[in-house]
Amino acid sequence: MITALTLLAGLALLIVGAEMLVKGASRVAAGFGISPLVIGLTVVAFGTSSPEMAISVSSAWKGEADIAVGNVVGSNIFNVLFILGLSALITPLVVSKQLVKLDVPLMIGVSVLAFLLSMDGRIAFWEGAILFAGVIGYCILAIRVGKASGETGEAIEADGHWAKDIGLILVGLVLLVLGSQWLVSAAITIATAMGVSELVIGLTIVAAGTSMPEVATSVTAAIRGQRDIAVGNVVGSNIFNILAVLGLTAMVAPAGLPVSQAAINFDFPVMMAVAVACLPIFFVGYTIQRWEGALFLGYYVAYTVYLVFAATEHEALPVFSQAMMWFVVPLTVITLLIVLARELKARRSRQGA
């Protein structure tokens, strides 16, 4: 009963904190003349990723490397498939051209980089330092490109009450972190009692729990019509998770961050595939339609089912794996290629006219 109440209380704090963070960050962005897209990619994205930072760093310090790594990889998969999928089902999301030209390719690039660094079974201190340095450069680049592009995003009204708005951001972040800690603590207690491995706990329950701020923030932003924040928050969070969270975690781990072979063989490739899938979907019409949101959600369900089947050695695992590998995935790839080809043809026709 206490565990269940802790979990519910954590969810409540996340929802309230997300509302305060989105409202405060949006007004500050408008007051400084910074586009909501850039704020979503930096301040909001990094703020909502602070639970991932806290959980991964503390887990690595305690020697629970699988939870630390699974949290980052699982959160990135969850962010795209679940959060963008759910947000797009609520309302079709508008995608900024900056995301397609800069931020999504960067997300793909840092995902591949993290995979390459982990291939020897460990992310060393100096490799973590390289990743962490990258987040500083990314922040500077995002702000400069945002200003140079002239994309202001969707209009947000500034109220001029700076102290109030900054207070909303700070209180919102505190509530998000506290709520995530309560939720994750309760979830780990439940999962451990069920005998699930640390890696699966990190990839699913901990990843989903620490991503609840992104869920609440992006869904709230979508409902409020601030769709630049809804999408930018996810992309920025994924970049931050790899560069800052994984980087700092590898730096504080006693002997570098060990990466299990299971994560290298399956979960890292899934994270890279999810990042790559964003590019054609975002590029077509610079929108995420409801059917694409449903596609994302469906794949997250399939991914979770696979993890559960694999963890429990379920007899249906071979059939499920074959169906996904030889039917569902190829069909999705073909569909995306057809949609992308039509979009390119339509754009050439418009340019020719």
Protein backbone atom coordinates (compact mmCIF):
# COMPACT_ATOMS: atom_id res chain seq x y z
CA MET A 1 0.00 0.00 0.00
CA ILE A 2 2.81 2.42 0.89
CA THR A 3 4.61 1.60 -2.37
CA ALA A 4 1.45 2.18 -4.41
CA LEU A 5 0.79 5.52 -2.66
CA THR A 6 4.39 6.61 -3.28
CA LEU A 7 4.02 5.79 -6.98
CA LEU A 8 0.75 7.76 -7.28
CA ALA A 9 2.18 10.71 -5.37
CA GLY A 10 5.19 10.74 -7.69
CA LEU A 11 2.95 10.87 -10.75
CA ALA A 12 0.95 13.75 -9.25
CA LEU A 13 4.12 15.77 -8.59
CA LEU A 14 5.30 15.13 -12.17
CA ILE A 15 2.09 16.47 -13.69
CA VAL A 16 2.05 19.61 -11.54
CA GLY A 17 5.76 20.20 -12.04
CA ALA A 18 5.52 19.83 -15.83
CA GLU A 19 2.71 22.37 -16.03
CA MET A 20 4.74 24.90 -14.05
CA LEU A 21 7.91 24.27 -16.07
CA VAL A 22 6.24 24.67 -19.47
CA LYS A 23 4.44 27.84 -18.41
CA GLY A 24 7.50 29.47 -16.87
CA ALA A 25 9.94 28.48 -19.64
CA SER A 26 7.56 29.65 -22.36
CA ARG A 27 7.18 33.09 -20.83
CA VAL A 28 10.90 33.48 -20.21
CA ALA A 29 11.58 32.51 -23.83
CA ALA A 30 9.13 35.13 -25.07
CA GLY A 31 10.59 37.79 -22.77
CA PHE A 32 14.16 37.23 -23.97
CA GLY A 33 13.14 36.91 -27.60
CA ILE A 34 14.38 33.32 -27.74
CA SER A 35 12.24 30.95 -29.76
CA PRO A 36 10.19 28.33 -27.92
CA LEU A 37 11.97 25.73 -30.08
CA VAL A 38 15.39 26.63 -28.63
CA ILE A 39 13.98 26.72 -25.10
CA GLY A 40 12.41 23.30 -25.69
CA LEU A 41 15.71 21.93 -26.98
CA THR A 42 17.77 23.28 -24.08
CA VAL A 43 16.21 24.55 -20.83
CA VAL A 44 13.06 22.40 -20.83
CA ALA A 45 14.76 19.33 -22.32
CA PHE A 46 17.65 19.44 -19.89
CA GLY A 47 15.42 20.20 -16.94
CA THR A 48 13.12 17.26 -17.61
CA SER A 49 16.17 15.01 -18.08
CA SER A 50 17.48 15.81 -14.60
CA PRO A 51 15.84 12.65 -13.14
CA GLU A 52 17.80 10.53 -15.65
CA MET A 53 20.94 12.32 -14.50
CA ALA A 54 20.23 11.70 -10.82
CA ILE A 55 19.29 8.03 -11.27
CA SER A 56 22.11 7.08 -13.66
CA VAL A 57 24.86 8.85 -11.71
CA SER A 58 23.76 7.40 -8.36
CA SER A 59 23.31 3.92 -9.89
CA ALA A 60 26.78 3.98 -11.47
CA TRP A 61 28.33 5.15 -8.20
CA LYS A 62 26.66 2.22 -6.39
CA GLY A 63 27.92 -0.23 -9.01
CA GLU A 64 24.50 -0.78 -10.63
CA ALA A 65 25.80 -0.20 -14.16
CA ASP A 66 22.97 -2.01 -15.95
CA ILE A 67 20.39 0.31 -14.40
CA ALA A 68 22.51 3.37 -15.28
CA VAL A 69 22.95 2.36 -18.94
CA GLY A 70 19.46 0.91 -19.34
CA ASN A 71 17.98 4.13 -17.97
CA VAL A 72 19.62 6.27 -20.68
CA VAL A 73 19.03 3.89 -23.60
CA GLY A 74 15.51 3.01 -22.49
CA SER A 75 14.61 6.66 -21.90
CA ASN A 76 15.67 7.63 -25.42
CA ILE A 77 13.59 4.83 -26.92
CA PHE A 78 10.65 5.74 -24.67
CA ASN A 79 10.93 9.45 -25.48
CA VAL A 80 10.51 8.99 -29.22
CA LEU A 81 8.17 6.03 -29.46
CA PHE A 82 5.90 6.67 -26.48
CA ILE A 83 6.03 10.43 -25.84
CA LEU A 84 5.99 11.64 -29.45
CA GLY A 85 3.48 8.92 -30.30
CA LEU A 86 1.11 9.96 -27.51
CA SER A 87 1.58 13.69 -28.18
CA ALA A 88 0.89 13.21 -31.91
CA LEU A 89 -2.28 11.28 -31.13
CA ILE A 90 -3.50 14.24 -29.06
CA THR A 91 -2.76 16.70 -31.86
CA PRO A 92 -0.64 16.46 -35.05
CA LEU A 93 2.72 18.00 -34.22
CA VAL A 94 4.46 20.66 -36.27
CA VAL A 95 8.18 20.03 -36.75
CA SER A 96 10.61 22.91 -37.15
CA LYS A 97 12.97 22.86 -40.13
CA GLN A 98 15.85 23.35 -37.67
CA LEU A 99 15.04 19.99 -36.10
CA VAL A 100 15.22 18.21 -39.47
CA LYS A 101 18.37 19.99 -40.64
CA LEU A 102 20.35 20.06 -37.40
CA ASP A 103 18.98 18.51 -34.21
CA VAL A 104 17.69 15.14 -35.47
CA PRO A 105 20.92 14.45 -37.42
CA LEU A 106 22.81 15.34 -34.23
CA MET A 107 20.60 12.97 -32.24
CA ILE A 108 21.42 10.21 -34.74
CA GLY A 109 25.11 11.08 -34.64
CA VAL A 110 25.46 11.02 -30.84
CA SER A 111 23.45 7.78 -30.69
CA VAL A 112 25.90 6.14 -33.10
CA LEU A 113 28.84 7.63 -31.16
CA ALA A 114 27.56 6.19 -27.87
CA PHE A 115 27.19 2.78 -29.50
CA LEU A 116 30.74 2.86 -30.90
CA LEU A 117 32.19 3.91 -27.53
CA SER A 118 30.35 1.05 -25.80
CA MET A 119 31.36 -1.71 -28.21
CA ASP A 120 34.35 -2.77 -26.11
CA GLY A 121 32.02 -3.34 -23.16
CA ARG A 122 32.90 -0.16 -21.26
CA ILE A 123 32.67 3.62 -21.62
CA ALA A 124 35.89 4.93 -20.09
CA PHE A 125 36.37 8.17 -18.13
CA TRP A 126 37.92 10.03 -21.08
CA GLU A 127 35.14 8.85 -23.41
CA GLY A 128 32.58 10.14 -20.94
CA ALA A 129 34.45 13.46 -20.82
CA ILE A 130 34.19 13.74 -24.62
CA LEU A 131 30.45 13.13 -24.47
CA PHE A 132 29.96 15.65 -21.65
CA ALA A 133 31.96 18.34 -23.47
CA GLY A 134 29.67 17.83 -26.46
CA VAL A 135 26.60 19.05 -24.58
CA ILE A 136 28.21 22.46 -24.00
CA GLY A 137 28.94 22.83 -27.69
CA TYR A 138 25.40 21.70 -28.52
CA CYS A 139 23.82 24.38 -26.33
CA ILE A 140 25.86 27.13 -27.96
CA LEU A 141 25.12 25.79 -31.43
CA ALA A 142 21.36 25.44 -30.81
CA ILE A 143 21.04 29.03 -29.60
CA ARG A 144 23.10 30.48 -32.47
CA VAL A 145 21.35 28.48 -35.16
CA GLY A 146 17.93 29.27 -33.66
CA LYS A 147 18.63 33.00 -33.78
CA ALA A 148 20.19 32.87 -37.27
CA SER A 149 17.31 30.87 -38.74
CA GLY A 150 14.75 33.41 -37.61
CA GLU A 151 12.34 30.66 -36.57
CA THR A 152 10.41 32.08 -33.64
CA GLY A 153 8.06 29.14 -33.21
CA GLU A 154 4.47 29.58 -32.13
CA ALA A 155 3.73 32.88 -30.45
CA ILE A 156 3.84 32.89 -26.67
CA GLU A 157 2.84 35.92 -24.66
CA ALA A 158 5.31 37.22 -22.05
CA ASP A 159 3.80 38.57 -18.85
CA GLY A 160 6.84 40.56 -17.70
CA HIS A 161 6.94 39.01 -14.22
CA TRP A 162 10.48 37.63 -14.35
CA ALA A 163 10.74 36.56 -10.72
CA LYS A 164 7.43 34.72 -10.93
CA ASP A 165 8.34 32.94 -14.17
CA ILE A 166 11.79 31.89 -12.98
CA GLY A 167 10.19 30.75 -9.72
CA LEU A 168 7.77 28.59 -11.71
CA ILE A 169 10.68 26.98 -13.56
CA LEU A 170 12.65 26.26 -10.40
CA VAL A 171 9.69 24.91 -8.42
CA GLY A 172 8.60 22.88 -11.44
CA LEU A 173 12.04 21.29 -11.75
CA VAL A 174 12.12 20.46 -8.04
CA LEU A 175 8.71 18.81 -8.26
CA LEU A 176 9.77 16.87 -11.36
CA VAL A 177 12.89 15.51 -9.73
CA LEU A 178 11.16 14.67 -6.46
CA GLY A 179 8.21 13.05 -8.23
CA SER A 180 10.50 10.94 -10.42
CA GLN A 181 12.50 9.76 -7.42
CA TRP A 182 9.35 8.63 -5.63
CA LEU A 183 7.99 6.92 -8.73
CA VAL A 184 11.24 5.15 -9.60
CA SER A 185 11.79 4.02 -6.00
CA ALA A 186 8.34 2.46 -5.89
CA ALA A 187 8.74 0.91 -9.35
CA ILE A 188 12.11 -0.68 -8.51
CA THR A 189 10.63 -2.16 -5.33
CA ILE A 190 7.83 -3.75 -7.34
CA ALA A 191 10.11 -5.00 -10.13
CA THR A 192 12.71 -6.42 -7.76
CA ALA A 193 10.00 -8.36 -5.95
CA MET A 194 9.06 -9.86 -9.34
CA GLY A 195 12.65 -11.05 -9.95
CA VAL A 196 13.33 -8.95 -13.08
CA SER A 197 16.98 -8.27 -14.07
CA GLU A 198 18.62 -4.87 -13.50
CA LEU A 199 18.99 -4.23 -17.24
CA VAL A 200 15.29 -4.86 -17.93
CA ILE A 201 14.36 -2.71 -14.91
CA GLY A 202 16.54 0.09 -16.28
CA LEU A 203 15.22 -0.23 -19.84
CA THR A 204 11.55 -0.26 -18.86
CA ILE A 205 10.40 0.79 -15.40
CA VAL A 206 13.26 3.14 -14.52
CA ALA A 207 13.43 4.55 -18.07
CA ALA A 208 9.69 5.17 -18.18
CA GLY A 209 9.70 6.56 -14.65
CA THR A 210 12.52 9.04 -15.24
CA SER A 211 10.92 9.98 -18.57
CA MET A 212 7.62 10.90 -16.92
CA PRO A 213 8.70 14.57 -16.80
CA GLU A 214 9.13 14.46 -20.59
CA VAL A 215 5.74 12.75 -20.90
CA ALA A 216 4.00 15.34 -18.77
CA THR A 217 5.88 18.26 -20.34
CA SER A 218 5.41 17.25 -23.99
CA VAL A 219 1.78 16.21 -23.55
CA THR A 220 1.02 19.39 -21.61
CA ALA A 221 2.76 21.47 -24.28
CA ALA A 222 0.80 19.70 -27.03
CA ILE A 223 -2.50 20.34 -25.23
CA ARG A 224 -1.56 24.01 -24.68
CA GLY A 225 -0.73 24.36 -28.39
CA GLN A 226 3.01 24.90 -27.80
CA ARG A 227 4.00 22.17 -30.23
CA ASP A 228 7.57 23.39 -30.73
CA ILE A 229 8.24 22.62 -27.08
CA ALA A 230 6.49 19.23 -27.37
CA VAL A 231 8.82 18.02 -30.14
CA GLY A 232 11.94 19.98 -29.18
CA ASN A 233 11.74 18.65 -25.63
CA VAL A 234 12.02 15.05 -26.83
CA VAL A 235 14.87 15.62 -29.29
CA GLY A 236 16.77 17.83 -26.85
CA SER A 237 16.26 15.34 -24.02
CA ASN A 238 17.65 12.49 -26.11
CA ILE A 239 20.75 14.49 -27.03
CA PHE A 240 21.18 15.53 -23.39
CA ASN A 241 20.72 11.96 -22.13
CA ILE A 242 23.58 10.68 -24.25
CA LEU A 243 26.00 13.59 -24.01
CA ALA A 244 25.44 14.81 -20.45
CA VAL A 245 23.86 11.91 -18.55
CA LEU A 246 25.83 9.05 -20.11
CA GLY A 247 28.98 11.19 -20.22
CA LEU A 248 28.86 12.26 -16.58
CA THR A 249 27.85 8.76 -15.48
CA ALA A 250 30.94 7.29 -17.16
CA MET A 251 33.09 9.97 -15.50
CA VAL A 252 31.85 9.26 -11.94
CA ALA A 253 31.76 5.46 -12.25
CA PRO A 254 34.66 4.02 -10.23
CA ALA A 255 36.31 2.26 -13.20
CA GLY A 256 34.40 3.55 -16.19
CA LEU A 257 30.87 2.50 -17.07
CA PRO A 258 30.45 -1.22 -17.91
CA VAL A 259 28.01 -1.96 -20.75
CA SER A 260 26.45 -5.41 -20.96
CA GLN A 261 26.64 -7.44 -24.16
CA ALA A 262 22.84 -7.67 -24.23
CA ALA A 263 22.57 -3.88 -24.40
CA ILE A 264 25.25 -3.69 -27.13
CA ASN A 265 23.62 -6.43 -29.24
CA PHE A 266 20.01 -5.25 -29.03
CA ASP A 267 19.11 -2.12 -27.09
CA PHE A 268 21.71 0.27 -28.50
CA PRO A 269 20.79 -0.73 -32.10
CA VAL A 270 17.09 -0.17 -31.27
CA MET A 271 17.94 3.29 -29.91
CA MET A 272 19.83 4.13 -33.12
CA ALA A 273 17.01 2.79 -35.32
CA VAL A 274 14.44 4.88 -33.46
CA ALA A 275 16.58 8.01 -33.91
CA VAL A 276 17.00 7.32 -37.64
CA ALA A 277 13.24 6.73 -38.05
CA CYS A 278 12.58 10.28 -36.88
CA LEU A 279 14.25 11.80 -39.93
CA PRO A 280 11.85 10.62 -42.70
CA ILE A 281 8.79 11.07 -40.47
CA PHE A 282 9.76 14.61 -39.48
CA PHE A 283 10.80 15.49 -43.05
CA VAL A 284 7.48 14.58 -44.67
CA GLY A 285 5.40 17.75 -44.40
CA TYR A 286 7.40 18.82 -41.34
CA THR A 287 4.66 17.24 -39.23
CA ILE A 288 4.01 14.14 -37.17
CA GLN A 289 0.54 12.91 -38.12
CA ARG A 290 -1.74 10.90 -35.85
CA TRP A 291 -1.15 7.66 -37.79
CA GLU A 292 2.60 8.14 -37.34
CA GLY A 293 2.05 8.68 -33.63
CA ALA A 294 0.07 5.43 -33.52
CA LEU A 295 2.95 3.71 -35.36
CA PHE A 296 5.43 4.95 -32.74
CA LEU A 297 3.22 3.74 -29.88
CA GLY A 298 2.75 0.35 -31.52
CA TYR A 299 6.49 -0.13 -31.80
CA TYR A 300 7.01 0.80 -28.17
CA VAL A 301 4.47 -1.83 -27.14
CA ALA A 302 6.26 -4.38 -29.35
CA TYR A 303 9.65 -3.46 -27.86
CA THR A 304 8.35 -3.81 -24.30
CA VAL A 305 6.69 -7.14 -25.09
CA TYR A 306 9.98 -8.41 -26.51
CA LEU A 307 11.86 -7.41 -23.35
CA VAL A 308 9.29 -9.13 -21.14
CA PHE A 309 9.29 -12.29 -23.28
CA ALA A 310 13.10 -12.37 -23.30
CA ALA A 311 13.35 -11.79 -19.53
CA THR A 312 10.85 -14.55 -18.76
CA GLU A 313 12.05 -16.86 -21.57
CA HIS A 314 8.49 -17.06 -22.81
CA GLU A 315 7.72 -19.76 -25.37
CA ALA A 316 6.16 -17.18 -27.70
CA LEU A 317 9.45 -15.25 -28.05
CA PRO A 318 10.73 -17.00 -31.23
CA VAL A 319 7.41 -16.53 -33.08
CA PHE A 320 7.13 -12.91 -31.96
CA SER A 321 10.72 -12.14 -32.99
CA GLN A 322 10.27 -13.70 -36.43
CA ALA A 323 7.03 -11.79 -37.03
CA MET A 324 8.67 -8.48 -36.12
CA MET A 325 11.85 -9.15 -38.10
CA TRP A 326 10.36 -10.50 -41.31
CA PHE A 327 6.95 -8.79 -41.51
CA VAL A 328 6.32 -5.75 -39.30
CA VAL A 329 9.70 -4.00 -39.62
CA PRO A 330 10.06 -4.47 -43.42
CA LEU A 331 6.45 -3.34 -43.98
CA THR A 332 7.09 -0.19 -41.93
CA VAL A 333 10.30 0.59 -43.79
CA ILE A 334 8.57 0.17 -47.17
CA THR A 335 5.69 2.41 -46.08
CA LEU A 336 8.05 5.16 -44.88
CA LEU A 337 10.08 4.98 -48.10
CA ILE A 338 6.92 5.31 -50.22
CA VAL A 339 5.71 8.30 -48.18
CA LEU A 340 9.17 9.89 -48.39
CA ALA A 341 9.37 9.36 -52.16
CA ARG A 342 5.95 10.98 -52.64
CA GLU A 343 7.01 13.96 -50.52
CA LEU A 344 10.20 14.46 -52.54
CA LYS A 345 8.26 14.19 -55.80
CA ALA A 346 5.69 16.72 -54.60
CA ARG A 347 8.41 19.18 -53.58
CA ARG A 348 10.16 18.88 -56.95
CA SER A 349 6.85 19.51 -58.67
CA ARG A 350 6.24 22.66 -56.60
CA GLN A 351 9.75 23.90 -57.34
CA GLY A 352 9.32 23.23 -61.05
CA ALA A 353 6.04 25.14 -61.08
